[in-house]
C-alpha atoms as a PDB file:
ATOM      1  CA  MET A   1       0.000   0.000   0.000  1.00  0.00           C
ATOM      2  CA  THR A   2       1.419   3.371  -0.927  1.00  0.00           C
ATOM      3  CA  VAL A   3       1.697   6.139   1.626  1.00  0.00           C
ATOM      4  CA  ALA A   4      -0.785   8.195  -0.435  1.00  0.00           C
ATOM      5  CA  ALA A   5      -3.404   5.462   0.015  1.00  0.00           C
ATOM      6  CA  VAL A   6      -2.984   5.550   3.794  1.00  0.00           C
ATOM      7  CA  GLN A   7      -4.647   7.979   6.187  1.00  0.00           C
ATOM      8  CA  GLN A   8      -4.647   8.516   9.929  1.00  0.00           C
ATOM      9  CA  LEU A   9      -7.794   8.525  12.034  1.00  0.00           C
ATOM     10  CA  HIS A  10      -7.435  10.187  15.466  1.00  0.00           C
ATOM     11  CA  MET A  11     -10.309   9.504  17.876  1.00  0.00           C
ATOM     12  CA  PHE A  12     -11.325  10.228  21.436  1.00  0.00           C
ATOM     13  CA  LEU A  13     -13.969   7.944  22.958  1.00  0.00           C
ATOM     14  CA  THR A  14     -16.113   9.103  25.871  1.00  0.00           C
ATOM     15  CA  GLY A  15     -18.562   7.115  27.994  1.00  0.00           C
ATOM     16  CA  LEU A  16     -17.943   3.930  29.977  1.00  0.00           C
ATOM     17  CA  VAL A  17     -14.664   3.273  28.185  1.00  0.00           C
ATOM     18  CA  GLN A  18     -12.096   2.562  30.915  1.00  0.00           C
ATOM     19  CA  GLY A  19     -11.871  -0.566  33.056  1.00  0.00           C
ATOM     20  CA  VAL A  20     -14.138  -2.546  30.690  1.00  0.00           C
ATOM     21  CA  GLY A  21     -11.671  -4.019  28.167  1.00  0.00           C
ATOM     22  CA  MET A  22     -12.079  -1.231  25.619  1.00  0.00           C
ATOM     23  CA  ARG A  23      -8.379  -0.992  24.741  1.00  0.00           C
ATOM     24  CA  ALA A  24      -8.165  -4.729  24.034  1.00  0.00           C
ATOM     25  CA  TYR A  25     -11.382  -4.534  21.985  1.00  0.00           C
ATOM     26  CA  VAL A  26     -10.053  -1.629  19.907  1.00  0.00           C
ATOM     27  CA  ARG A  27      -6.753  -3.460  19.346  1.00  0.00           C
ATOM     28  CA  ARG A  28      -8.558  -6.619  18.158  1.00  0.00           C
ATOM     29  CA  GLN A  29     -10.718  -4.624  15.758  1.00  0.00           C
ATOM     30  CA  ALA A  30      -7.735  -2.671  14.408  1.00  0.00           C
ATOM     31  CA  GLN A  31      -5.614  -5.800  13.962  1.00  0.00           C
ATOM     32  CA  ARG A  32      -8.505  -7.572  12.193  1.00  0.00           C
ATOM     33  CA  LEU A  33      -8.633  -4.651   9.745  1.00  0.00           C
ATOM     34  CA  GLY A  34      -4.860  -4.552   9.231  1.00  0.00           C
ATOM     35  CA  LEU A  35      -4.453  -1.130  10.834  1.00  0.00           C
ATOM     36  CA  VAL A  36      -1.432   0.174  12.739  1.00  0.00           C
ATOM     37  CA  GLY A  37      -1.288   2.708  15.577  1.00  0.00           C
ATOM     38  CA  PHE A  38      -2.209   2.711  19.256  1.00  0.00           C
ATOM     39  CA  VAL A  39      -4.972   2.943  21.828  1.00  0.00           C
ATOM     40  CA  ARG A  40      -4.551   4.315  25.348  1.00  0.00           C
ATOM     41  CA  ASN A  41      -6.471   5.486  28.393  1.00  0.00           C
ATOM     42  CA  LEU A  42      -6.293   9.180  29.214  1.00  0.00           C
ATOM     43  CA  PRO A  43      -6.280  10.621  32.742  1.00  0.00           C
ATOM     44  CA  ASP A  44      -9.595  12.415  32.080  1.00  0.00           C
ATOM     45  CA  GLY A  45     -11.466   9.123  31.542  1.00  0.00           C
ATOM     46  CA  ARG A  46     -11.443   9.123  27.740  1.00  0.00           C
ATOM     47  CA  VAL A  47      -9.757   6.611  25.455  1.00  0.00           C
ATOM     48  CA  GLU A  48      -7.540   7.898  22.647  1.00  0.00           C
ATOM     49  CA  VAL A  49      -7.131   5.955  19.397  1.00  0.00           C
ATOM     50  CA  VAL A  50      -4.697   6.716  16.582  1.00  0.00           C
ATOM     51  CA  ALA A  51      -5.034   4.345  13.632  1.00  0.00           C
ATOM     52  CA  GLU A  52      -3.439   4.375  10.209  1.00  0.00           C
ATOM     53  CA  GLY A  53      -4.461   2.422   7.141  1.00  0.00           C
ATOM     54  CA  ALA A  54      -6.721   2.395   4.123  1.00  0.00           C
ATOM     55  CA  PRO A  55      -9.646   4.842   4.365  1.00  0.00           C
ATOM     56  CA  GLU A  56     -12.259   2.055   4.117  1.00  0.00           C
ATOM     57  CA  ASP A  57     -10.594   0.148   6.973  1.00  0.00           C
ATOM     58  CA  LEU A  58     -10.515   3.283   9.130  1.00  0.00           C
ATOM     59  CA  GLU A  59     -14.234   3.781   8.442  1.00  0.00           C
ATOM     60  CA  ALA A  60     -14.863   0.169   9.472  1.00  0.00           C
ATOM     61  CA  LEU A  61     -12.978   0.741  12.745  1.00  0.00           C
ATOM     62  CA  LEU A  62     -14.971   3.891  13.452  1.00  0.00           C
ATOM     63  CA  ALA A  63     -18.221   2.026  12.784  1.00  0.00           C
ATOM     64  CA  SER A  64     -17.195  -0.858  15.080  1.00  0.00           C
ATOM     65  CA  LEU A  65     -16.645   1.609  17.942  1.00  0.00           C
ATOM     66  CA  GLN A  66     -20.094   3.217  17.666  1.00  0.00           C
ATOM     67  CA  GLU A  67     -21.612   0.261  19.547  1.00  0.00           C
ATOM     68  CA  PRO A  68     -18.701  -1.812  20.864  1.00  0.00           C
ATOM     69  CA  ALA A  69     -19.009  -5.279  22.385  1.00  0.00           C
ATOM     70  CA  VAL A  70     -17.618  -3.911  25.669  1.00  0.00           C
ATOM     71  CA  GLY A  71     -18.364  -0.806  27.706  1.00  0.00           C
ATOM     72  CA  ARG A  72     -20.455   2.021  26.309  1.00  0.00           C
ATOM     73  CA  VAL A  73     -19.363   4.756  23.910  1.00  0.00           C
ATOM     74  CA  ASP A  74     -21.439   7.911  24.317  1.00  0.00           C
ATOM     75  CA  HIS A  75     -19.477  10.084  21.897  1.00  0.00           C
ATOM     76  CA  ILE A  76     -16.592   9.810  19.452  1.00  0.00           C
ATOM     77  CA  THR A  77     -14.650  12.883  18.425  1.00  0.00           C
ATOM     78  CA  HIS A  78     -12.611  12.092  15.335  1.00  0.00           C
ATOM     79  CA  ALA A  79     -10.481  13.712  12.674  1.00  0.00           C
ATOM     80  CA  TYR A  80      -8.592  12.479   9.632  1.00  0.00           C
ATOM     81  CA  HIS A  81      -4.971  13.426   8.985  1.00  0.00           C
ATOM     82  CA  PRO A  82      -2.189  12.377   6.628  1.00  0.00           C
ATOM     83  CA  ALA A  83      -0.569   9.164   7.860  1.00  0.00           C
ATOM     84  CA  SER A  84       2.651   9.586   9.824  1.00  0.00           C
ATOM     85  CA  GLY A  85       4.036   6.223   8.708  1.00  0.00           C
ATOM     86  CA  LYS A  86       5.743   5.764  12.078  1.00  0.00           C
ATOM     87  CA  PHE A  87       3.682   2.782  13.295  1.00  0.00           C
ATOM     88  CA  ARG A  88       4.510  -0.849  12.499  1.00  0.00           C
ATOM     89  CA  ARG A  89       1.670  -2.583  14.397  1.00  0.00           C
ATOM     90  CA  PHE A  90      -1.342  -1.713  16.534  1.00  0.00           C
ATOM     91  CA  GLU A  91      -0.538  -1.568  20.256  1.00  0.00           C
ATOM     92  CA  ILE A  92      -2.033  -0.755  23.603  1.00  0.00           C
ATOM     93  CA  SER A  93      -0.013   2.208  24.863  1.00  0.00           C
ATOM     94  CA  PHE A  94       0.419   3.157  28.510  1.00  0.00           C
END
C-alpha cells in the first residue's frame, strides 16, 4: 500500500470506556482490519485511538466503535490526517 493510500484517524472515545476491556477490543478490531497505531487510556477518563491504514478500513474501525461489544461509547470525536508512517503494528499504549 502506498503512503498516499494511507490515512490517519485520530479519535477520542467518551462514555464507559475505561476498566471494561475497551483498549483490548479496539486493538482486536484494528488488527482484524490490518491497521497500525495505538490505543490508550487518558487521565480524564477518555480513550484515545490513533489508527493508520486504508480509508475504508478506518471507516470500518470507526463504525465498530459506535456500539462496541464492551463498555459504552457515548461520543466519538474524530479527525482524519495524513498518515505519519511511524507505526509498524497496533498496540495498547500506557
